[in-house]
Amino acid sequence: MADKPSLVDAAYDVLSKAYAANGSKSTPMAFGELLLGVGQETGITDENQLLTLASKFYTALTLDGRFVIKENNTWVLREHEKFENVHIDMNDVYSEDEDDDDDGKTDDDKSDKEDIKDDGDDSGEEGDKESDSDDDDDNN
């Protein structure tokens, strides 16, 4: 008896067959349609079982470099797309000024400053209590 393919391998097969059936033209496939196709490939006919597997399957797709998510939660195979259509320039994702505000302080700098301010207020109250107890010790 042959082993069933993994869900992502089945998804690869489904998208490859769709690509071939579409005249070697990449056409994004909706996640729900892909999930149903994977069910047919793996022999999972129970829709409730497919729905139970959906979140793990979705995560596996996002982590597998063979797949690319397009607009409206549709999926294609990376190998069927042009590089410029699937490449993400990391300079567009990360920016040196991303966390900076107008004053040049990052959110972390501001929260550190607030923590120091809060600590100062608390220690002032505790300091008064300590000085009172010190006075009591001197009287004994």
C-alpha atoms as a PDB file:
ATOM      1  CA  MET A   1       0.000   0.000   0.000  1.00  0.00           C
ATOM      2  CA  ALA A   2       1.436   3.385  -0.989  1.00  0.00           C
ATOM      3  CA  ASP A   3       1.811   6.082   1.638  1.00  0.00           C
ATOM      4  CA  LYS A   4      -0.420   9.117   1.365  1.00  0.00           C
ATOM      5  CA  PRO A   5       1.447  12.295   0.471  1.00  0.00           C
ATOM      6  CA  SER A   6       1.750  15.013   3.112  1.00  0.00           C
ATOM      7  CA  LEU A   7      -0.732  17.863   2.841  1.00  0.00           C
ATOM      8  CA  VAL A   8       1.841  20.292   1.416  1.00  0.00           C
ATOM      9  CA  ASP A   9       3.105  17.699  -1.072  1.00  0.00           C
ATOM     10  CA  ALA A  10      -0.496  17.114  -2.120  1.00  0.00           C
ATOM     11  CA  ALA A  11      -0.939  20.896  -2.475  1.00  0.00           C
ATOM     12  CA  TYR A  12       2.138  20.979  -4.687  1.00  0.00           C
ATOM     13  CA  ASP A  13       0.597  18.257  -6.866  1.00  0.00           C
ATOM     14  CA  VAL A  14      -2.765  20.060  -7.024  1.00  0.00           C
ATOM     15  CA  LEU A  15      -1.175  23.365  -8.073  1.00  0.00           C
ATOM     16  CA  SER A  16       1.119  21.601 -10.582  1.00  0.00           C
ATOM     17  CA  LYS A  17      -1.868  19.875 -12.200  1.00  0.00           C
ATOM     18  CA  ALA A  18      -3.806  23.158 -12.310  1.00  0.00           C
ATOM     19  CA  TYR A  19      -0.811  24.834 -13.950  1.00  0.00           C
ATOM     20  CA  ALA A  20      -0.572  22.101 -16.597  1.00  0.00           C
ATOM     21  CA  ALA A  21      -4.338  22.124 -17.188  1.00  0.00           C
ATOM     22  CA  ASN A  22      -4.222  25.888 -17.659  1.00  0.00           C
ATOM     23  CA  GLY A  23      -1.733  25.677 -20.529  1.00  0.00           C
ATOM     24  CA  SER A  24       1.333  26.209 -18.333  1.00  0.00           C
ATOM     25  CA  LYS A  25      -0.042  29.481 -17.060  1.00  0.00           C
ATOM     26  CA  SER A  26       0.042  30.302 -13.367  1.00  0.00           C
ATOM     27  CA  THR A  27      -3.422  30.935 -11.984  1.00  0.00           C
ATOM     28  CA  PRO A  28      -3.764  31.601  -8.257  1.00  0.00           C
ATOM     29  CA  MET A  29      -5.996  29.118  -6.440  1.00  0.00           C
ATOM     30  CA  ALA A  30      -8.169  30.124  -3.486  1.00  0.00           C
ATOM     31  CA  PHE A  31      -7.187  28.491  -0.206  1.00  0.00           C
ATOM     32  CA  GLY A  32     -10.563  26.743   0.177  1.00  0.00           C
ATOM     33  CA  GLU A  33     -10.352  25.300  -3.311  1.00  0.00           C
ATOM     34  CA  LEU A  34      -6.768  24.195  -2.666  1.00  0.00           C
ATOM     35  CA  LEU A  35      -7.810  22.555   0.611  1.00  0.00           C
ATOM     36  CA  LEU A  36     -10.550  20.604  -1.161  1.00  0.00           C
ATOM     37  CA  GLY A  37      -8.093  19.534  -3.868  1.00  0.00           C
ATOM     38  CA  VAL A  38      -5.667  18.369  -1.191  1.00  0.00           C
ATOM     39  CA  GLY A  39      -8.495  16.396   0.375  1.00  0.00           C
ATOM     40  CA  GLN A  40      -9.102  14.631  -2.930  1.00  0.00           C
ATOM     41  CA  GLU A  41      -5.362  13.950  -3.391  1.00  0.00           C
ATOM     42  CA  THR A  42      -4.978  12.472   0.088  1.00  0.00           C
ATOM     43  CA  GLY A  43      -8.299  10.664   0.207  1.00  0.00           C
ATOM     44  CA  ILE A  44      -9.770  12.846   2.962  1.00  0.00           C
ATOM     45  CA  THR A  45     -13.436  13.141   2.045  1.00  0.00           C
ATOM     46  CA  ASP A  46     -14.826  14.270   5.402  1.00  0.00           C
ATOM     47  CA  GLU A  47     -15.176  18.071   5.281  1.00  0.00           C
ATOM     48  CA  ASN A  48     -15.059  18.337   9.077  1.00  0.00           C
ATOM     49  CA  GLN A  49     -11.708  16.558   9.095  1.00  0.00           C
ATOM     50  CA  LEU A  50     -10.447  18.943   6.394  1.00  0.00           C
ATOM     51  CA  LEU A  51     -11.614  21.938   8.428  1.00  0.00           C
ATOM     52  CA  THR A  52      -9.807  20.551  11.467  1.00  0.00           C
ATOM     53  CA  LEU A  53      -6.593  20.317   9.425  1.00  0.00           C
ATOM     54  CA  ALA A  54      -7.020  23.707   7.739  1.00  0.00           C
ATOM     55  CA  SER A  55      -5.057  25.880  10.178  1.00  0.00           C
ATOM     56  CA  LYS A  56      -2.070  23.510  10.343  1.00  0.00           C
ATOM     57  CA  PHE A  57      -2.172  23.166   6.569  1.00  0.00           C
ATOM     58  CA  TYR A  58      -2.247  26.945   6.130  1.00  0.00           C
ATOM     59  CA  THR A  59       0.746  27.345   8.436  1.00  0.00           C
ATOM     60  CA  ALA A  60       2.641  24.612   6.597  1.00  0.00           C
ATOM     61  CA  LEU A  61       1.981  26.353   3.271  1.00  0.00           C
ATOM     62  CA  THR A  62       3.310  29.667   4.552  1.00  0.00           C
ATOM     63  CA  LEU A  63       6.479  28.022   5.852  1.00  0.00           C
ATOM     64  CA  ASP A  64       7.159  25.965   2.720  1.00  0.00           C
ATOM     65  CA  GLY A  65       9.211  27.991   0.248  1.00  0.00           C
ATOM     66  CA  ARG A  66       7.620  26.315  -2.755  1.00  0.00           C
ATOM     67  CA  PHE A  67       4.386  28.256  -2.291  1.00  0.00           C
ATOM     68  CA  VAL A  68       3.563  31.931  -2.608  1.00  0.00           C
ATOM     69  CA  ILE A  69       0.487  33.644  -1.241  1.00  0.00           C
ATOM     70  CA  LYS A  70      -0.996  36.184  -3.603  1.00  0.00           C
ATOM     71  CA  GLU A  71      -3.818  38.669  -3.130  1.00  0.00           C
ATOM     72  CA  ASN A  72      -7.154  37.534  -1.679  1.00  0.00           C
ATOM     73  CA  ASN A  73      -5.662  34.459   0.040  1.00  0.00           C
ATOM     74  CA  THR A  74      -4.837  32.713  -3.216  1.00  0.00           C
ATOM     75  CA  TRP A  75      -1.818  30.478  -3.718  1.00  0.00           C
ATOM     76  CA  VAL A  76       0.595  29.644  -6.536  1.00  0.00           C
ATOM     77  CA  LEU A  77       3.820  27.711  -6.874  1.00  0.00           C
ATOM     78  CA  ARG A  78       6.900  29.923  -6.633  1.00  0.00           C
ATOM     79  CA  GLU A  79       8.490  28.137  -9.591  1.00  0.00           C
ATOM     80  CA  HIS A  80       5.630  29.256 -11.841  1.00  0.00           C
ATOM     81  CA  GLU A  81       5.998  32.942 -11.014  1.00  0.00           C
ATOM     82  CA  LYS A  82       8.485  35.503 -12.248  1.00  0.00           C
ATOM     83  CA  PHE A  83      11.059  36.511  -9.673  1.00  0.00           C
ATOM     84  CA  GLU A  84       9.906  40.127  -9.573  1.00  0.00           C
ATOM     85  CA  ASN A  85       6.329  39.000  -8.831  1.00  0.00           C
ATOM     86  CA  VAL A  86       7.252  37.039  -5.714  1.00  0.00           C
ATOM     87  CA  HIS A  87      10.473  38.652  -4.475  1.00  0.00           C
ATOM     88  CA  ILE A  88      10.172  40.871  -1.418  1.00  0.00           C
ATOM     89  CA  ASP A  89      12.823  43.540  -1.109  1.00  0.00           C
ATOM     90  CA  MET A  90      13.713  43.460   2.572  1.00  0.00           C
ATOM     91  CA  ASN A  91      14.634  47.161   2.406  1.00  0.00           C
ATOM     92  CA  ASP A  92      10.940  47.820   1.851  1.00  0.00           C
ATOM     93  CA  VAL A  93      10.037  45.698   4.865  1.00  0.00           C
ATOM     94  CA  TYR A  94      12.542  47.052   7.368  1.00  0.00           C
ATOM     95  CA  SER A  95      13.358  50.682   7.860  1.00  0.00           C
ATOM     96  CA  GLU A  96      15.729  52.418  10.246  1.00  0.00           C
ATOM     97  CA  ASP A  97      13.066  55.050  10.934  1.00  0.00           C
ATOM     98  CA  GLU A  98      10.286  52.525  11.483  1.00  0.00           C
ATOM     99  CA  ASP A  99       9.997  52.962  15.281  1.00  0.00           C
ATOM    100  CA  ASP A 100      11.127  56.583  15.458  1.00  0.00           C
ATOM    101  CA  ASP A 101       8.674  59.331  16.339  1.00  0.00           C
ATOM    102  CA  ASP A 102       9.021  63.055  15.641  1.00  0.00           C
ATOM    103  CA  ASP A 103      11.239  63.573  18.689  1.00  0.00           C
ATOM    104  CA  GLY A 104      13.649  60.830  17.628  1.00  0.00           C
ATOM    105  CA  LYS A 105      12.814  58.631  20.617  1.00  0.00           C
ATOM    106  CA  THR A 106      11.742  55.063  20.046  1.00  0.00           C
ATOM    107  CA  ASP A 107       8.847  53.510  21.941  1.00  0.00           C
ATOM    108  CA  ASP A 108      11.361  51.583  24.065  1.00  0.00           C
ATOM    109  CA  ASP A 109      13.165  54.802  25.045  1.00  0.00           C
ATOM    110  CA  LYS A 110       9.890  56.373  26.077  1.00  0.00           C
ATOM    111  CA  SER A 111       8.777  53.388  28.161  1.00  0.00           C
ATOM    112  CA  ASP A 112      12.182  53.281  29.897  1.00  0.00           C
ATOM    113  CA  LYS A 113      11.839  56.949  30.772  1.00  0.00           C
ATOM    114  CA  GLU A 114       8.322  56.369  32.113  1.00  0.00           C
ATOM    115  CA  ASP A 115       9.565  53.427  34.197  1.00  0.00           C
ATOM    116  CA  ILE A 116      12.249  55.616  35.748  1.00  0.00           C
ATOM    117  CA  LYS A 117       9.699  58.321  36.470  1.00  0.00           C
ATOM    118  CA  ASP A 118       7.335  55.777  38.063  1.00  0.00           C
ATOM    119  CA  ASP A 119      10.159  54.266  40.102  1.00  0.00           C
ATOM    120  CA  GLY A 120      11.088  57.714  41.389  1.00  0.00           C
ATOM    121  CA  ASP A 121       7.543  58.384  42.564  1.00  0.00           C
ATOM    122  CA  ASP A 122       7.315  55.030  44.346  1.00  0.00           C
ATOM    123  CA  SER A 123      10.688  55.331  46.032  1.00  0.00           C
ATOM    124  CA  GLY A 124       9.752  58.756  47.377  1.00  0.00           C
ATOM    125  CA  GLU A 125       6.801  57.249  49.223  1.00  0.00           C
ATOM    126  CA  GLU A 126       8.866  54.352  50.493  1.00  0.00           C
ATOM    127  CA  GLY A 127      11.621  56.736  51.497  1.00  0.00           C
ATOM    128  CA  ASP A 128       9.201  58.622  53.744  1.00  0.00           C
ATOM    129  CA  LYS A 129       8.153  55.375  55.424  1.00  0.00           C
ATOM    130  CA  GLU A 130      11.750  54.358  55.968  1.00  0.00           C
ATOM    131  CA  SER A 131      12.676  57.710  57.455  1.00  0.00           C
ATOM    132  CA  ASP A 132       9.735  57.444  59.880  1.00  0.00           C
ATOM    133  CA  SER A 133      10.901  54.013  61.013  1.00  0.00           C
ATOM    134  CA  ASP A 134      14.438  55.306  61.361  1.00  0.00           C
ATOM    135  CA  ASP A 135      13.160  58.036  63.681  1.00  0.00           C
ATOM    136  CA  ASP A 136      11.426  55.400  65.802  1.00  0.00           C
ATOM    137  CA  ASP A 137      14.698  53.454  66.099  1.00  0.00           C
ATOM    138  CA  ASP A 138      16.524  56.567  67.280  1.00  0.00           C
ATOM    139  CA  ASN A 139      13.978  57.139  70.026  1.00  0.00           C
ATOM    140  CA  ASN A 140      14.531  53.661  71.543  1.00  0.00           C
END
